[in-house]
Amino acid sequence: MKPGTPVPRPALDAGVQEVGSRIRRLREERGVSLSELARRAGVGKATLSGLENGTRNPTLETLWAVTAELGVPLALALGADAAGRGPGETAPSGAAGAVIHGAAVQAELLEVFQDEAVTYELYRLTVRAGTVQTSPAHHAGVTEHITVFCGTLRAGPADAPLVAGPGEHVSWTSDVPHTYAAAGDEDVRASLLIRYPRRPPAPGR
């Protein structure tokens, strides 16, 4: 395998069955068949079936692709309250503390909060040096905002990534494929805020 080639790994340390049940419920609420969601998300039907049944620990890329097609924040699949937290509310959501893993990233969900039209997810992010994390496009209008604490980050749209060092901030619209990587030999530690404008559930077709 070439240096820098991402190695697929399970996204979840625990709670695979619970995440699968939530994905199934979200899909059924939207009237979308398993076959149709798998097609839209670009994942195998067997992969999605295994995810929903709790027999397959998905990759982070699969979770991102499926939740994007469902039009929901990733935190809903991880167990966040659908109502989230309103302004001025600081109590943690039901999913706070969940840790997800990708080929290059580890992200700990710290909080989910919202205003009338937007849901926010706040993560503690580590990007491991030596490989690249690729994320599929999120739904229209989703933006990501990263503040770097240490290391040098290269992240953003796959065809035009941005670079930030300690104390610097980058943001982009993430409704296109995007990547995360450490630009040097040092792991990157940062905060990641994902902003999801709400949209109506995608109808079944």
N, C-alpha and C. Protein backbone atom coordinates (compact mmCIF):
# COMPACT_ATOMS: atom_id res chain seq x y z
N MET A 1 0.85 -1.20 0.00
CA MET A 1 0.00 0.00 0.00
C MET A 1 0.88 1.25 0.00
N LYS A 2 0.60 2.22 -0.83
CA LYS A 2 1.40 3.43 -0.92
C LYS A 2 1.29 4.24 0.36
N PRO A 3 2.39 4.96 0.75
CA PRO A 3 2.30 5.83 1.91
C PRO A 3 1.19 6.86 1.71
N GLY A 4 0.43 7.10 2.76
CA GLY A 4 -0.65 8.07 2.67
C GLY A 4 -1.97 7.49 2.23
N THR A 5 -1.99 6.22 1.80
CA THR A 5 -3.24 5.60 1.39
C THR A 5 -4.08 5.31 2.62
N PRO A 6 -5.34 5.82 2.68
CA PRO A 6 -6.16 5.59 3.86
C PRO A 6 -6.44 4.10 4.06
N VAL A 7 -6.41 3.68 5.31
CA VAL A 7 -6.73 2.31 5.66
C VAL A 7 -8.12 2.30 6.28
N PRO A 8 -9.11 1.67 5.63
CA PRO A 8 -10.46 1.64 6.22
C PRO A 8 -10.44 1.02 7.60
N ARG A 9 -11.17 1.63 8.53
CA ARG A 9 -11.26 1.07 9.87
C ARG A 9 -12.66 1.36 10.39
N PRO A 10 -13.14 0.53 11.32
CA PRO A 10 -14.47 0.77 11.87
C PRO A 10 -14.55 2.13 12.54
N ALA A 11 -15.69 2.77 12.38
CA ALA A 11 -15.85 4.12 12.91
C ALA A 11 -16.14 4.14 14.40
N LEU A 12 -16.74 3.06 14.93
CA LEU A 12 -17.30 3.09 16.27
C LEU A 12 -16.57 2.14 17.21
N ASP A 13 -16.35 2.60 18.44
CA ASP A 13 -15.80 1.72 19.47
C ASP A 13 -16.89 0.89 20.15
N ALA A 14 -18.11 1.42 20.16
CA ALA A 14 -19.23 0.76 20.84
C ALA A 14 -20.52 1.31 20.26
N GLY A 15 -21.64 0.66 20.60
CA GLY A 15 -22.95 1.17 20.20
C GLY A 15 -23.32 0.92 18.76
N VAL A 16 -22.72 -0.11 18.14
CA VAL A 16 -23.00 -0.36 16.72
C VAL A 16 -24.48 -0.68 16.50
N GLN A 17 -25.07 -1.51 17.35
CA GLN A 17 -26.47 -1.87 17.18
C GLN A 17 -27.38 -0.67 17.35
N GLU A 18 -27.06 0.20 18.32
CA GLU A 18 -27.89 1.37 18.56
C GLU A 18 -27.83 2.34 17.37
N VAL A 19 -26.64 2.53 16.83
CA VAL A 19 -26.49 3.40 15.66
C VAL A 19 -27.26 2.81 14.47
N GLY A 20 -27.16 1.50 14.27
CA GLY A 20 -27.90 0.87 13.19
C GLY A 20 -29.40 1.04 13.32
N SER A 21 -29.92 0.90 14.53
CA SER A 21 -31.35 1.07 14.76
C SER A 21 -31.79 2.49 14.45
N ARG A 22 -30.95 3.47 14.81
CA ARG A 22 -31.31 4.87 14.53
C ARG A 22 -31.31 5.14 13.04
N ILE A 23 -30.33 4.58 12.32
CA ILE A 23 -30.30 4.76 10.87
C ILE A 23 -31.55 4.17 10.24
N ARG A 24 -31.97 2.97 10.68
CA ARG A 24 -33.17 2.36 10.13
C ARG A 24 -34.40 3.23 10.41
N ARG A 25 -34.50 3.73 11.64
CA ARG A 25 -35.66 4.55 12.00
C ARG A 25 -35.70 5.83 11.16
N LEU A 26 -34.55 6.48 11.00
CA LEU A 26 -34.50 7.70 10.20
C LEU A 26 -34.88 7.42 8.74
N ARG A 27 -34.42 6.29 8.22
CA ARG A 27 -34.76 5.93 6.83
C ARG A 27 -36.25 5.67 6.70
N GLU A 28 -36.81 4.89 7.63
CA GLU A 28 -38.23 4.56 7.54
C GLU A 28 -39.11 5.79 7.73
N GLU A 29 -38.70 6.71 8.59
CA GLU A 29 -39.46 7.95 8.76
C GLU A 29 -39.53 8.75 7.47
N ARG A 30 -38.56 8.58 6.61
CA ARG A 30 -38.52 9.31 5.35
C ARG A 30 -39.11 8.53 4.19
N GLY A 31 -39.57 7.31 4.47
CA GLY A 31 -40.21 6.51 3.44
C GLY A 31 -39.28 6.07 2.34
N VAL A 32 -38.00 5.86 2.68
CA VAL A 32 -37.00 5.45 1.69
C VAL A 32 -36.67 3.98 1.91
N SER A 33 -36.66 3.21 0.84
CA SER A 33 -36.30 1.80 0.96
C SER A 33 -34.81 1.65 1.22
N LEU A 34 -34.44 0.51 1.75
CA LEU A 34 -33.02 0.24 1.99
C LEU A 34 -32.24 0.28 0.69
N SER A 35 -32.80 -0.33 -0.36
CA SER A 35 -32.11 -0.35 -1.66
C SER A 35 -31.91 1.06 -2.20
N GLU A 36 -32.94 1.90 -2.05
CA GLU A 36 -32.85 3.26 -2.58
C GLU A 36 -31.83 4.10 -1.82
N LEU A 37 -31.82 3.98 -0.49
CA LEU A 37 -30.85 4.74 0.29
C LEU A 37 -29.43 4.28 -0.03
N ALA A 38 -29.23 2.97 -0.17
CA ALA A 38 -27.91 2.47 -0.52
C ALA A 38 -27.46 3.04 -1.86
N ARG A 39 -28.38 3.09 -2.83
CA ARG A 39 -28.04 3.63 -4.14
C ARG A 39 -27.66 5.09 -4.05
N ARG A 40 -28.48 5.88 -3.36
CA ARG A 40 -28.22 7.32 -3.26
C ARG A 40 -26.92 7.61 -2.53
N ALA A 41 -26.64 6.82 -1.50
CA ALA A 41 -25.44 7.07 -0.69
C ALA A 41 -24.18 6.48 -1.30
N GLY A 42 -24.34 5.65 -2.33
CA GLY A 42 -23.18 5.05 -2.97
C GLY A 42 -22.52 3.97 -2.15
N VAL A 43 -23.33 3.25 -1.34
CA VAL A 43 -22.80 2.14 -0.55
C VAL A 43 -23.52 0.86 -0.96
N GLY A 44 -22.93 -0.28 -0.68
CA GLY A 44 -23.55 -1.54 -1.03
C GLY A 44 -24.80 -1.81 -0.20
N LYS A 45 -25.77 -2.46 -0.81
CA LYS A 45 -26.99 -2.81 -0.07
C LYS A 45 -26.67 -3.71 1.12
N ALA A 46 -25.74 -4.65 0.93
CA ALA A 46 -25.37 -5.54 2.04
C ALA A 46 -24.69 -4.76 3.16
N THR A 47 -23.90 -3.75 2.79
CA THR A 47 -23.25 -2.91 3.80
C THR A 47 -24.28 -2.16 4.62
N LEU A 48 -25.25 -1.56 3.95
CA LEU A 48 -26.28 -0.81 4.66
C LEU A 48 -27.15 -1.72 5.50
N SER A 49 -27.49 -2.89 4.97
CA SER A 49 -28.28 -3.85 5.74
C SER A 49 -27.54 -4.28 7.00
N GLY A 50 -26.24 -4.56 6.87
CA GLY A 50 -25.45 -4.94 8.03
C GLY A 50 -25.36 -3.82 9.05
N LEU A 51 -25.24 -2.57 8.56
CA LEU A 51 -25.23 -1.42 9.47
C LEU A 51 -26.54 -1.33 10.24
N GLU A 52 -27.67 -1.40 9.54
CA GLU A 52 -28.96 -1.27 10.21
C GLU A 52 -29.22 -2.42 11.18
N ASN A 53 -28.73 -3.59 10.87
CA ASN A 53 -28.95 -4.76 11.74
C ASN A 53 -27.94 -4.86 12.87
N GLY A 54 -26.94 -3.97 12.87
CA GLY A 54 -25.95 -3.97 13.92
C GLY A 54 -24.92 -5.07 13.81
N THR A 55 -24.81 -5.68 12.62
CA THR A 55 -23.84 -6.77 12.43
C THR A 55 -22.58 -6.30 11.72
N ARG A 56 -22.56 -5.04 11.30
CA ARG A 56 -21.38 -4.52 10.60
C ARG A 56 -21.05 -3.14 11.16
N ASN A 57 -19.81 -2.98 11.63
CA ASN A 57 -19.34 -1.69 12.12
C ASN A 57 -18.93 -0.86 10.92
N PRO A 58 -19.64 0.24 10.63
CA PRO A 58 -19.39 0.98 9.40
C PRO A 58 -18.11 1.80 9.48
N THR A 59 -17.61 2.19 8.33
CA THR A 59 -16.55 3.20 8.29
C THR A 59 -17.17 4.57 8.49
N LEU A 60 -16.34 5.53 8.85
CA LEU A 60 -16.82 6.91 8.99
C LEU A 60 -17.34 7.43 7.67
N GLU A 61 -16.69 7.04 6.57
CA GLU A 61 -17.14 7.48 5.25
C GLU A 61 -18.56 7.00 4.97
N THR A 62 -18.88 5.76 5.37
CA THR A 62 -20.23 5.23 5.17
C THR A 62 -21.24 6.00 6.01
N LEU A 63 -20.91 6.27 7.27
CA LEU A 63 -21.83 7.02 8.13
C LEU A 63 -22.08 8.41 7.56
N TRP A 64 -21.04 9.09 7.11
CA TRP A 64 -21.21 10.41 6.52
C TRP A 64 -22.09 10.34 5.28
N ALA A 65 -21.85 9.37 4.40
CA ALA A 65 -22.61 9.27 3.16
C ALA A 65 -24.08 9.00 3.44
N VAL A 66 -24.37 8.10 4.38
CA VAL A 66 -25.76 7.72 4.67
C VAL A 66 -26.51 8.87 5.34
N THR A 67 -25.89 9.50 6.35
CA THR A 67 -26.59 10.59 7.03
C THR A 67 -26.76 11.79 6.10
N ALA A 68 -25.81 12.02 5.19
CA ALA A 68 -25.97 13.11 4.23
C ALA A 68 -27.18 12.88 3.34
N GLU A 69 -27.37 11.64 2.87
CA GLU A 69 -28.53 11.35 2.02
C GLU A 69 -29.84 11.41 2.80
N LEU A 70 -29.78 11.12 4.09
CA LEU A 70 -30.98 11.25 4.93
C LEU A 70 -31.25 12.70 5.30
N GLY A 71 -30.27 13.57 5.08
CA GLY A 71 -30.45 14.98 5.37
C GLY A 71 -30.40 15.31 6.85
N VAL A 72 -29.61 14.54 7.62
CA VAL A 72 -29.55 14.75 9.06
C VAL A 72 -28.09 14.89 9.51
N PRO A 73 -27.86 15.59 10.63
CA PRO A 73 -26.51 15.63 11.20
C PRO A 73 -26.07 14.24 11.63
N LEU A 74 -24.77 13.99 11.58
CA LEU A 74 -24.23 12.71 12.02
C LEU A 74 -24.60 12.43 13.47
N ALA A 75 -24.67 13.47 14.29
CA ALA A 75 -24.96 13.29 15.72
C ALA A 75 -26.30 12.61 15.98
N LEU A 76 -27.26 12.75 15.07
CA LEU A 76 -28.54 12.07 15.27
C LEU A 76 -28.35 10.56 15.22
N ALA A 77 -27.48 10.09 14.35
CA ALA A 77 -27.20 8.65 14.30
C ALA A 77 -26.43 8.19 15.52
N LEU A 78 -25.64 9.10 16.11
CA LEU A 78 -24.85 8.74 17.28
C LEU A 78 -25.64 8.79 18.58
N GLY A 79 -26.87 9.37 18.52
CA GLY A 79 -27.72 9.35 19.71
C GLY A 79 -28.09 10.70 20.26
N ALA A 80 -27.79 11.78 19.54
CA ALA A 80 -28.18 13.10 20.01
C ALA A 80 -29.70 13.23 20.01
N ASP A 81 -30.23 14.02 20.93
CA ASP A 81 -31.65 14.31 20.94
C ASP A 81 -32.03 15.03 19.66
N ALA A 82 -33.15 14.65 19.07
CA ALA A 82 -33.59 15.31 17.85
C ALA A 82 -33.81 16.79 18.07
N ALA A 83 -34.23 17.16 19.30
CA ALA A 83 -34.50 18.57 19.59
C ALA A 83 -33.23 19.36 19.81
N GLY A 84 -32.11 18.67 20.06
CA GLY A 84 -30.86 19.38 20.30
C GLY A 84 -30.93 20.24 21.54
N ARG A 85 -30.10 21.29 21.59
CA ARG A 85 -30.07 22.23 22.69
C ARG A 85 -30.29 23.62 22.14
N GLY A 86 -31.08 24.38 22.81
CA GLY A 86 -31.35 25.74 22.37
C GLY A 86 -30.31 26.70 22.90
N PRO A 87 -30.39 27.98 22.48
CA PRO A 87 -29.46 29.00 22.97
C PRO A 87 -29.49 29.07 24.49
N GLY A 88 -28.32 29.14 25.10
CA GLY A 88 -28.26 29.27 26.55
C GLY A 88 -28.31 27.95 27.29
N GLU A 89 -28.58 26.85 26.60
CA GLU A 89 -28.61 25.54 27.24
C GLU A 89 -27.26 24.87 27.08
N THR A 90 -26.67 24.47 28.19
CA THR A 90 -25.31 23.93 28.14
C THR A 90 -25.24 22.46 28.52
N ALA A 91 -26.37 21.85 28.90
CA ALA A 91 -26.32 20.43 29.27
C ALA A 91 -25.93 19.60 28.05
N PRO A 92 -25.13 18.54 28.22
CA PRO A 92 -24.68 17.75 27.08
C PRO A 92 -25.81 16.99 26.44
N SER A 93 -25.68 16.76 25.15
CA SER A 93 -26.67 15.96 24.43
C SER A 93 -26.47 14.49 24.76
N GLY A 94 -27.43 13.66 24.33
CA GLY A 94 -27.33 12.23 24.59
C GLY A 94 -26.16 11.57 23.91
N ALA A 95 -25.60 12.21 22.88
CA ALA A 95 -24.48 11.62 22.14
C ALA A 95 -23.14 12.17 22.57
N ALA A 96 -23.11 13.17 23.46
CA ALA A 96 -21.84 13.78 23.85
C ALA A 96 -20.89 12.73 24.39
N GLY A 97 -19.64 12.82 23.99
CA GLY A 97 -18.63 11.85 24.40
C GLY A 97 -18.42 10.74 23.40
N ALA A 98 -19.32 10.60 22.41
CA ALA A 98 -19.13 9.59 21.37
C ALA A 98 -17.85 9.90 20.59
N VAL A 99 -17.07 8.86 20.32
CA VAL A 99 -15.83 9.01 19.56
C VAL A 99 -15.97 8.22 18.27
N ILE A 100 -15.64 8.87 17.16
CA ILE A 100 -15.69 8.21 15.86
C ILE A 100 -14.29 8.26 15.23
N HIS A 101 -13.99 7.22 14.45
CA HIS A 101 -12.66 7.06 13.87
C HIS A 101 -12.76 6.96 12.36
N GLY A 102 -11.78 7.55 11.70
CA GLY A 102 -11.64 7.39 10.26
C GLY A 102 -10.22 6.98 9.93
N ALA A 103 -9.91 6.95 8.65
CA ALA A 103 -8.56 6.56 8.23
C ALA A 103 -7.51 7.49 8.80
N ALA A 104 -7.84 8.79 8.90
CA ALA A 104 -6.86 9.77 9.39
C ALA A 104 -7.35 10.56 10.59
N VAL A 105 -8.63 10.51 10.89
CA VAL A 105 -9.15 11.38 11.94
C VAL A 105 -9.74 10.58 13.10
N GLN A 106 -9.71 11.23 14.26
CA GLN A 106 -10.49 10.79 15.42
C GLN A 106 -11.23 12.02 15.91
N ALA A 107 -12.53 11.89 16.11
CA ALA A 107 -13.35 13.03 16.50
C ALA A 107 -14.22 12.65 17.69
N GLU A 108 -14.13 13.43 18.75
CA GLU A 108 -14.97 13.24 19.93
C GLU A 108 -16.06 14.30 19.91
N LEU A 109 -17.32 13.86 19.91
CA LEU A 109 -18.44 14.79 19.91
C LEU A 109 -18.57 15.42 21.29
N LEU A 110 -18.44 16.74 21.36
CA LEU A 110 -18.50 17.46 22.63
C LEU A 110 -19.89 17.98 22.92
N GLU A 111 -20.59 18.45 21.89
CA GLU A 111 -21.89 19.08 22.11
C GLU A 111 -22.68 19.17 20.81
N VAL A 112 -23.99 19.13 20.94
CA VAL A 112 -24.91 19.39 19.83
C VAL A 112 -25.85 20.49 20.30
N PHE A 113 -25.98 21.54 19.52
CA PHE A 113 -26.89 22.62 19.90
C PHE A 113 -27.48 23.22 18.63
N GLN A 114 -28.50 24.05 18.78
CA GLN A 114 -29.21 24.52 17.61
C GLN A 114 -29.88 25.86 17.87
N ASP A 115 -30.21 26.53 16.76
CA ASP A 115 -31.14 27.64 16.81
C ASP A 115 -32.36 27.24 16.00
N GLU A 116 -33.16 28.17 15.56
CA GLU A 116 -34.43 27.80 14.93
C GLU A 116 -34.25 27.05 13.62
N ALA A 117 -33.18 27.30 12.91
CA ALA A 117 -33.05 26.73 11.57
C ALA A 117 -31.76 25.96 11.35
N VAL A 118 -30.90 25.88 12.36
CA VAL A 118 -29.57 25.30 12.16
C VAL A 118 -29.23 24.40 13.34
N THR A 119 -28.60 23.26 13.04
CA THR A 119 -28.03 22.38 14.06
C THR A 119 -26.51 22.45 13.96
N TYR A 120 -25.85 22.49 15.13
CA TYR A 120 -24.40 22.56 15.18
C TYR A 120 -23.86 21.34 15.92
N GLU A 121 -22.75 20.80 15.44
CA GLU A 121 -22.01 19.75 16.14
C GLU A 121 -20.61 20.28 16.43
N LEU A 122 -20.16 20.12 17.67
CA LEU A 122 -18.83 20.55 18.06
C LEU A 122 -18.01 19.32 18.43
N TYR A 123 -16.86 19.17 17.78
CA TYR A 123 -15.99 18.01 17.99
C TYR A 123 -14.59 18.44 18.44
N ARG A 124 -13.95 17.58 19.23
CA ARG A 124 -12.51 17.66 19.45
C ARG A 124 -11.87 16.75 18.40
N LEU A 125 -11.01 17.31 17.57
CA LEU A 125 -10.53 16.63 16.37
C LEU A 125 -9.03 16.36 16.44
N THR A 126 -8.65 15.14 16.08
CA THR A 126 -7.24 14.79 15.88
C THR A 126 -7.09 14.28 14.45
N VAL A 127 -6.12 14.82 13.73
CA VAL A 127 -5.81 14.35 12.38
C VAL A 127 -4.40 13.75 12.43
N ARG A 128 -4.31 12.46 12.19
CA ARG A 128 -3.03 11.78 12.29
C ARG A 128 -2.15 12.07 11.07
N ALA A 129 -0.89 12.29 11.33
CA ALA A 129 0.05 12.55 10.24
C ALA A 129 0.25 11.29 9.39
N GLY A 130 0.51 11.50 8.11
CA GLY A 130 0.89 10.39 7.26
C GLY A 130 -0.20 9.81 6.38
N THR A 131 -1.43 10.30 6.50
CA THR A 131 -2.50 9.79 5.65
C THR A 131 -3.54 10.89 5.46
N VAL A 132 -4.52 10.61 4.62
CA VAL A 132 -5.53 11.60 4.26
C VAL A 132 -6.91 11.02 4.51
N GLN A 133 -7.78 11.82 5.10
CA GLN A 133 -9.18 11.45 5.30
C GLN A 133 -10.02 12.12 4.22
N THR A 134 -10.83 11.36 3.52
CA THR A 134 -11.73 11.92 2.52
C THR A 134 -13.17 11.77 2.98
N SER A 135 -13.92 12.85 2.92
CA SER A 135 -15.34 12.84 3.28
C SER A 135 -16.17 13.08 2.04
N PRO A 136 -17.28 12.33 1.88
CA PRO A 136 -18.20 12.64 0.79
C PRO A 136 -18.91 13.96 1.06
N ALA A 137 -19.55 14.49 0.05
CA ALA A 137 -20.27 15.75 0.19
C ALA A 137 -21.41 15.61 1.21
N HIS A 138 -21.58 16.63 2.04
CA HIS A 138 -22.75 16.73 2.90
C HIS A 138 -23.87 17.40 2.10
N HIS A 139 -25.06 17.55 2.75
CA HIS A 139 -26.14 18.15 1.98
C HIS A 139 -25.91 19.66 1.82
N ALA A 140 -26.68 20.26 0.93
CA ALA A 140 -26.46 21.65 0.53
C ALA A 140 -26.47 22.59 1.73
N GLY A 141 -25.50 23.48 1.76
CA GLY A 141 -25.46 24.52 2.79
C GLY A 141 -24.68 24.17 4.04
N VAL A 142 -24.22 22.92 4.18
CA VAL A 142 -23.44 22.54 5.36
C VAL A 142 -22.07 23.20 5.28
N THR A 143 -21.62 23.77 6.40
CA THR A 143 -20.29 24.37 6.46
C THR A 143 -19.50 23.78 7.61
N GLU A 144 -18.17 23.78 7.48
CA GLU A 144 -17.28 23.29 8.53
C GLU A 144 -16.30 24.39 8.91
N HIS A 145 -15.99 24.45 10.21
CA HIS A 145 -15.15 25.52 10.76
C HIS A 145 -14.15 24.86 11.71
N ILE A 146 -12.86 24.97 11.40
CA ILE A 146 -11.82 24.32 12.19
C ILE A 146 -10.86 25.36 12.74
N THR A 147 -10.59 25.28 14.04
CA THR A 147 -9.55 26.07 14.69
C THR A 147 -8.44 25.12 15.12
N VAL A 148 -7.22 25.39 14.68
CA VAL A 148 -6.08 24.51 14.93
C VAL A 148 -5.38 24.92 16.23
N PHE A 149 -5.09 23.92 17.07
CA PHE A 149 -4.35 24.16 18.31
C PHE A 149 -2.88 23.79 18.18
N CYS A 150 -2.59 22.68 17.49
CA CYS A 150 -1.19 22.32 17.24
C CYS A 150 -1.11 21.52 15.95
N GLY A 151 0.08 21.55 15.33
CA GLY A 151 0.26 20.93 14.05
C GLY A 151 -0.17 21.87 12.92
N THR A 152 0.01 21.41 11.70
CA THR A 152 -0.42 22.18 10.53
C THR A 152 -1.43 21.35 9.74
N LEU A 153 -2.60 21.92 9.54
CA LEU A 153 -3.72 21.22 8.90
C LEU A 153 -3.82 21.61 7.44
N ARG A 154 -4.09 20.62 6.60
CA ARG A 154 -4.50 20.87 5.22
C ARG A 154 -5.88 20.23 5.05
N ALA A 155 -6.91 21.05 4.87
CA ALA A 155 -8.28 20.53 4.83
C ALA A 155 -9.16 21.45 3.99
N GLY A 156 -10.27 20.89 3.53
CA GLY A 156 -11.23 21.66 2.76
C GLY A 156 -11.60 20.93 1.48
N PRO A 157 -12.20 21.64 0.53
CA PRO A 157 -12.59 20.99 -0.73
C PRO A 157 -11.43 20.20 -1.33
N ALA A 158 -11.72 19.02 -1.83
CA ALA A 158 -10.66 18.14 -2.31
C ALA A 158 -9.82 18.77 -3.40
N ASP A 159 -10.43 19.65 -4.21
CA ASP A 159 -9.68 20.25 -5.31
C ASP A 159 -9.05 21.59 -4.94
N ALA A 160 -9.26 22.06 -3.70
CA ALA A 160 -8.69 23.36 -3.28
C ALA A 160 -8.58 23.41 -1.76
N PRO A 161 -7.77 22.51 -1.16
CA PRO A 161 -7.67 22.50 0.30
C PRO A 161 -7.01 23.76 0.85
N LEU A 162 -7.32 24.04 2.11
CA LEU A 162 -6.80 25.20 2.81
C LEU A 162 -5.76 24.74 3.83
N VAL A 163 -4.88 25.64 4.24
CA VAL A 163 -3.83 25.31 5.20
C VAL A 163 -3.93 26.24 6.39
N ALA A 164 -3.81 25.66 7.61
CA ALA A 164 -3.86 26.46 8.84
C ALA A 164 -2.90 25.88 9.86
N GLY A 165 -2.22 26.77 10.57
CA GLY A 165 -1.32 26.37 11.64
C GLY A 165 -1.91 26.71 12.99
N PRO A 166 -1.15 26.54 14.07
CA PRO A 166 -1.66 26.80 15.42
C PRO A 166 -2.24 28.22 15.56
N GLY A 167 -3.44 28.29 16.13
CA GLY A 167 -4.10 29.57 16.34
C GLY A 167 -4.86 30.08 15.13
N GLU A 168 -4.81 29.35 14.03
CA GLU A 168 -5.49 29.81 12.82
C GLU A 168 -6.79 29.03 12.60
N HIS A 169 -7.64 29.59 11.75
CA HIS A 169 -8.99 29.06 11.53
C HIS A 169 -9.24 28.96 10.03
N VAL A 170 -9.90 27.87 9.62
CA VAL A 170 -10.34 27.73 8.24
C VAL A 170 -11.79 27.29 8.23
N SER A 171 -12.49 27.63 7.17
CA SER A 171 -13.88 27.19 7.01
C SER A 171 -14.18 27.03 5.54
N TRP A 172 -15.16 26.18 5.24
CA TRP A 172 -15.55 25.96 3.85
C TRP A 172 -16.96 25.39 3.81
N THR A 173 -17.56 25.47 2.65
CA THR A 173 -18.86 24.84 2.41
C THR A 173 -18.60 23.40 2.02
N SER A 174 -19.18 22.46 2.80
CA SER A 174 -18.79 21.06 2.63
C SER A 174 -19.83 20.23 1.90
N ASP A 175 -20.55 20.86 0.96
CA ASP A 175 -21.46 20.10 0.10
C ASP A 175 -20.73 19.62 -1.15
N VAL A 176 -19.41 19.49 -1.03
CA VAL A 176 -18.56 18.89 -2.05
C VAL A 176 -17.63 17.91 -1.34
N PRO A 177 -17.04 16.95 -2.05
CA PRO A 177 -16.06 16.07 -1.39
C PRO A 177 -14.94 16.92 -0.78
N HIS A 178 -14.50 16.53 0.43
CA HIS A 178 -13.48 17.32 1.11
C HIS A 178 -12.55 16.39 1.89
N THR A 179 -11.38 16.92 2.25
CA THR A 179 -10.33 16.10 2.85
C THR A 179 -9.78 16.76 4.10
N TYR A 180 -9.13 15.92 4.92
CA TYR A 180 -8.41 16.38 6.12
C TYR A 180 -7.06 15.68 6.13
N ALA A 181 -5.99 16.42 6.39
CA ALA A 181 -4.66 15.82 6.47
C ALA A 181 -3.76 16.72 7.30
N ALA A 182 -2.75 16.10 7.93
CA ALA A 182 -1.68 16.86 8.57
C ALA A 182 -0.67 17.22 7.49
N ALA A 183 -0.30 18.50 7.43
CA ALA A 183 0.61 18.95 6.38
C ALA A 183 2.06 18.59 6.66
N GLY A 184 2.39 18.24 7.91
CA GLY A 184 3.75 17.87 8.26
C GLY A 184 3.79 16.53 8.97
N ASP A 185 4.81 16.34 9.78
CA ASP A 185 5.00 15.07 10.49
C ASP A 185 4.29 15.03 11.83
N GLU A 186 3.72 16.16 12.25
CA GLU A 186 3.07 16.24 13.56
C GLU A 186 1.56 16.08 13.42
N ASP A 187 0.96 15.29 14.33
CA ASP A 187 -0.49 15.18 14.35
C ASP A 187 -1.11 16.56 14.59
N VAL A 188 -2.28 16.76 14.03
CA VAL A 188 -3.02 18.01 14.22
C VAL A 188 -4.08 17.82 15.30
N ARG A 189 -4.16 18.78 16.19
CA ARG A 189 -5.23 18.81 17.19
C ARG A 189 -6.00 20.10 17.00
N ALA A 190 -7.32 19.98 16.97
CA ALA A 190 -8.14 21.12 16.59
C ALA A 190 -9.57 20.95 17.11
N SER A 191 -10.36 22.00 16.97
CA SER A 191 -11.80 21.89 17.18
C SER A 191 -12.48 21.98 15.82
N LEU A 192 -13.56 21.23 15.69
CA LEU A 192 -14.33 21.21 14.45
C LEU A 192 -15.79 21.51 14.77
N LEU A 193 -16.31 22.56 14.16
CA LEU A 193 -17.72 22.90 14.28
C LEU A 193 -18.38 22.67 12.92
N ILE A 194 -19.40 21.80 12.89
CA ILE A 194 -20.15 21.57 11.65
C ILE A 194 -21.52 22.20 11.80
N ARG A 195 -21.88 23.00 10.83
CA ARG A 195 -23.15 23.74 10.82
C ARG A 195 -24.06 23.15 9.75
N TYR A 196 -25.21 22.60 10.21
CA TYR A 196 -26.17 21.97 9.30
C TYR A 196 -27.45 22.80 9.23
N PRO A 197 -27.73 23.48 8.12
CA PRO A 197 -29.06 24.07 7.97
C PRO A 197 -30.08 22.96 7.83
N ARG A 198 -31.22 23.10 8.48
CA ARG A 198 -32.22 22.04 8.39
C ARG A 198 -32.85 22.04 7.02
N ARG A 199 -33.23 20.85 6.60
CA ARG A 199 -33.94 20.73 5.34
C ARG A 199 -35.03 19.70 5.52
N PRO A 200 -36.09 19.78 4.70
CA PRO A 200 -37.15 18.78 4.82
C PRO A 200 -36.62 17.39 4.55
N PRO A 201 -37.18 16.35 5.20
CA PRO A 201 -36.73 14.99 4.92
C PRO A 201 -36.85 14.66 3.44
N ALA A 202 -35.84 13.96 2.92
CA ALA A 202 -35.89 13.54 1.52
C ALA A 202 -36.97 12.50 1.34
N PRO A 203 -37.93 12.71 0.44
CA PRO A 203 -38.99 11.73 0.25
C PRO A 203 -38.50 10.47 -0.44
N GLY A 204 -39.21 9.37 -0.22
CA GLY A 204 -38.88 8.14 -0.94
C GLY A 204 -39.24 8.30 -2.40
N ARG A 205 -38.50 7.59 -3.22
CA ARG A 205 -38.80 7.66 -4.65
C ARG A 205 -39.04 6.25 -5.16
